[in-house]
Protein backbone atom coordinates (compact mmCIF):
# COMPACT_ATOMS: atom_id res chain seq x y z
CA MET A 1 -26.93 4.59 11.53
CA LYS A 2 -26.49 4.75 7.78
CA LYS A 3 -27.51 1.69 5.79
CA ILE A 4 -24.64 0.18 3.80
CA ASN A 5 -25.17 0.13 0.06
CA ASN A 6 -24.73 -3.47 -1.19
CA LYS A 7 -23.11 -2.40 -4.48
CA SER A 8 -20.62 -0.19 -2.65
CA PHE A 9 -19.80 -2.95 -0.19
CA LEU A 10 -19.28 -5.42 -3.06
CA ALA A 11 -17.01 -2.89 -4.81
CA LEU A 12 -15.02 -2.56 -1.58
CA ILE A 13 -14.65 -6.35 -1.25
CA LEU A 14 -13.64 -6.86 -4.88
CA SER A 15 -11.21 -3.94 -4.88
CA SER A 16 -9.47 -5.38 -1.80
CA PHE A 17 -7.84 -8.00 -4.02
CA ILE A 18 -5.83 -5.32 -5.87
CA PRO A 19 -3.63 -4.41 -2.86
CA VAL A 20 -3.32 -8.14 -2.13
CA PHE A 21 -1.95 -8.67 -5.65
CA PHE A 22 0.61 -5.92 -5.09
CA ALA A 23 1.54 -7.35 -1.67
CA PHE A 24 2.16 -10.69 -3.38
CA LEU A 25 4.16 -8.93 -6.11
CA SER A 26 6.26 -7.22 -3.43
CA ALA A 27 7.63 -10.52 -2.17
CA ILE A 28 7.37 -12.87 -5.16
CA ASP A 29 11.09 -12.82 -6.02
CA GLY A 30 12.18 -13.51 -2.43
CA HIS A 31 14.83 -10.82 -2.78
CA PRO A 32 14.65 -7.10 -3.60
CA SER A 33 14.08 -6.20 -7.24
CA LEU A 34 12.33 -3.32 -8.98
CA TRP A 35 9.11 -5.32 -9.34
CA SER A 36 9.48 -7.06 -6.01
CA PRO A 37 10.87 -4.41 -3.62
CA LEU A 38 10.01 -6.25 -0.38
CA SER A 39 7.80 -3.57 1.12
CA LEU A 40 8.15 -3.46 4.90
CA PRO A 41 4.37 -3.53 5.59
CA SER A 42 3.93 -6.65 3.41
CA PHE A 43 7.04 -8.25 4.88
CA ILE A 44 5.80 -7.72 8.45
CA VAL A 45 2.34 -9.10 7.71
CA VAL A 46 3.64 -12.16 5.83
CA MET A 47 6.32 -12.90 8.44
CA PHE A 48 3.66 -12.67 11.16
CA GLY A 49 1.52 -15.14 9.21
CA MET A 50 4.47 -17.47 8.71
CA SER A 51 5.31 -17.31 12.43
CA VAL A 52 1.82 -18.59 13.19
CA PHE A 53 1.53 -21.18 10.39
CA GLU A 54 3.77 -23.09 7.98
CA GLU A 55 5.03 -21.44 4.78
CA ILE A 56 2.05 -21.61 2.37
CA ALA A 57 -0.57 -21.37 5.11
CA GLY A 58 1.40 -18.50 6.63
CA MET A 59 1.45 -16.61 3.34
CA LEU A 60 -2.29 -17.20 2.91
CA PHE A 61 -2.84 -16.00 6.47
CA GLY A 62 -0.78 -12.89 5.62
CA ILE A 63 -2.98 -12.29 2.57
CA LEU A 64 -6.07 -12.67 4.74
CA ILE A 65 -4.65 -10.08 7.14
CA ILE A 66 -4.07 -7.66 4.26
CA LEU A 67 -7.66 -8.19 3.07
CA ILE A 68 -8.96 -7.53 6.57
CA ILE A 69 -6.79 -4.41 6.97
CA PHE A 70 -7.95 -2.99 3.65
CA ILE A 71 -11.64 -3.70 4.19
CA THR A 72 -11.68 -2.59 7.83
CA LEU A 73 -9.81 0.66 7.22
CA ASN A 74 -11.95 1.45 4.20
CA LEU A 75 -15.32 0.94 5.82
CA PHE A 76 -15.17 4.66 6.58
CA LEU A 77 -15.50 5.22 2.83
CA LEU A 78 -18.99 3.80 3.00
CA LYS A 79 -19.79 6.19 5.83
CA GLU A 80 -18.14 9.14 4.10
CA SER A 81 -19.53 8.37 0.64
CA ASN A 82 -21.92 11.35 0.71
CA THR A 83 -19.21 13.85 1.57
CA LYS A 84 -18.22 16.47 -0.97
CA LYS A 85 -14.60 16.70 0.21
CA VAL A 86 -11.85 14.18 0.80
CA PRO A 87 -11.88 13.34 4.54
CA LYS A 88 -9.14 15.14 6.47
CA THR A 89 -7.97 11.87 8.01
CA LEU A 90 -7.28 10.42 4.56
CA THR A 91 -5.36 13.55 3.57
CA PHE A 92 -3.34 13.35 6.80
CA ILE A 93 -2.56 9.64 6.27
CA LEU A 94 -1.49 10.25 2.66
CA ALA A 95 0.81 13.06 3.76
CA ILE A 96 2.40 11.13 6.65
CA PHE A 97 3.01 7.95 4.65
CA SER A 98 4.32 9.87 1.61
CA ILE A 99 6.84 11.73 3.75
CA LEU A 100 7.86 8.72 5.85
CA SER A 101 8.34 6.45 2.85
CA LEU A 102 10.52 8.98 1.04
CA LEU A 103 12.49 9.57 4.26
CA SER A 104 12.93 5.82 4.56
CA ILE A 105 14.42 5.64 1.07
CA ILE A 106 16.64 8.66 1.66
CA THR A 107 17.99 7.34 4.98
CA SER A 108 18.59 3.90 3.45
CA TRP A 109 20.15 5.33 0.29
CA ASN A 110 23.76 4.33 1.06
CA TYR A 111 22.73 0.78 2.01
CA GLY A 112 20.69 0.58 -1.18
CA ILE A 113 23.64 1.64 -3.32
CA GLU A 114 25.98 -0.76 -1.49
CA TYR A 115 23.78 -3.86 -1.36
CA GLN A 116 21.24 -3.47 -4.19
CA GLY A 117 23.14 -1.25 -6.63
CA LYS A 118 22.62 2.24 -7.96
CA ALA A 119 20.16 1.28 -10.72
CA HIS A 120 17.90 -0.57 -8.26
CA THR A 121 17.99 2.19 -5.64
CA VAL A 122 17.30 4.98 -8.15
CA GLY A 123 14.56 2.84 -9.77
CA ILE A 124 12.86 2.27 -6.42
CA LEU A 125 13.00 5.99 -5.65
CA LEU A 126 11.53 6.87 -9.06
CA ILE A 127 8.74 4.28 -8.72
CA ASN A 128 7.82 5.68 -5.31
CA ILE A 129 7.91 9.28 -6.56
CA LEU A 130 5.69 8.28 -9.51
CA ILE A 131 3.13 6.53 -7.30
CA ILE A 132 3.13 9.32 -4.69
CA SER A 133 2.65 11.85 -7.51
CA LEU A 134 -0.25 9.78 -8.87
CA MET A 135 -1.90 9.62 -5.43
CA TRP A 136 -1.60 13.37 -4.88
CA THR A 137 -2.84 14.07 -8.41
CA LEU A 138 -5.90 11.92 -7.72
CA TRP A 139 -6.35 13.68 -4.38
CA PHE A 140 -6.12 17.09 -6.07
CA PHE A 141 -8.81 16.27 -8.63
CA ILE A 142 -11.26 14.74 -6.15
CA ARG A 143 -10.56 16.89 -3.08
CA LYS A 144 -13.63 19.13 -3.43
CA ASN A 145 -15.92 16.89 -5.47
CA CYS A 146 -15.63 13.32 -4.29
CA ASN A 147 -17.87 10.32 -3.89
CA PHE A 148 -17.46 6.69 -2.86
CA LYS A 149 -16.02 5.55 -6.20
CA LYS A 150 -13.42 8.30 -6.33
CA LEU A 151 -12.39 7.73 -2.71
CA LEU A 152 -12.17 3.99 -3.33
CA ILE A 153 -9.88 4.50 -6.34
CA LEU A 154 -7.59 6.72 -4.27
CA SER A 155 -7.64 4.19 -1.44
CA VAL A 156 -6.82 1.26 -3.76
CA VAL A 157 -3.84 3.17 -5.17
CA PHE A 158 -2.70 4.08 -1.63
CA TYR A 159 -2.91 0.55 -0.20
CA SER A 160 -1.42 -1.00 -3.35
CA TRP A 161 1.53 1.35 -2.93
CA ILE A 162 1.82 0.65 0.81
CA PHE A 163 1.88 -3.12 0.30
CA TRP A 164 4.01 -3.06 -2.86
CA SER A 165 6.75 -0.43 -2.84
CA ALA A 166 6.39 1.92 0.13
CA PHE A 167 9.18 1.44 2.67
CA PRO A 168 11.21 -0.86 0.37
CA TRP A 169 14.04 -3.07 1.59
CA LEU A 170 17.31 -1.45 0.56
CA GLY A 171 19.74 -3.24 2.85
CA GLU A 172 21.62 -6.50 3.04
CA MET A 173 19.63 -9.71 2.62
CA GLY A 174 20.80 -12.03 5.36
CA LEU A 175 17.72 -14.26 5.25
């Protein structure tokens, strides 16, 4: 079994707070906005935490879950850090989530226009296209010459997107 590099593990732990920040940003307004689009993954995790604990403790529990998800799913980066190519599983996950998130926006388009307005819905689509383009640009540049740091940067962008603006809420807010 490969020994885990302490510096790499520390980088993984510290970088896990970036997606947590974006998860917090996703829900800070309490209603959909361009900077707080109520991402479905963040919403599910925070609502699960709040179903187990009271409000503040529930949100903190949700943040802890996001930290655990990020660290656990990125431990493979430590294992794959000597690879010269981006792992196929990461490429597959990027492709699936990119497609599904855009399909989610497209299928919710009419609800978004009706309940959130045209400017909000178009803005959310453009933000998601920009972030997806950034992820795939990063992937393109590191695909054949990658290392732990490059994979970690791509992963931080991916999870920040997932917990911030992927699968945004575009419907009626009946909360």
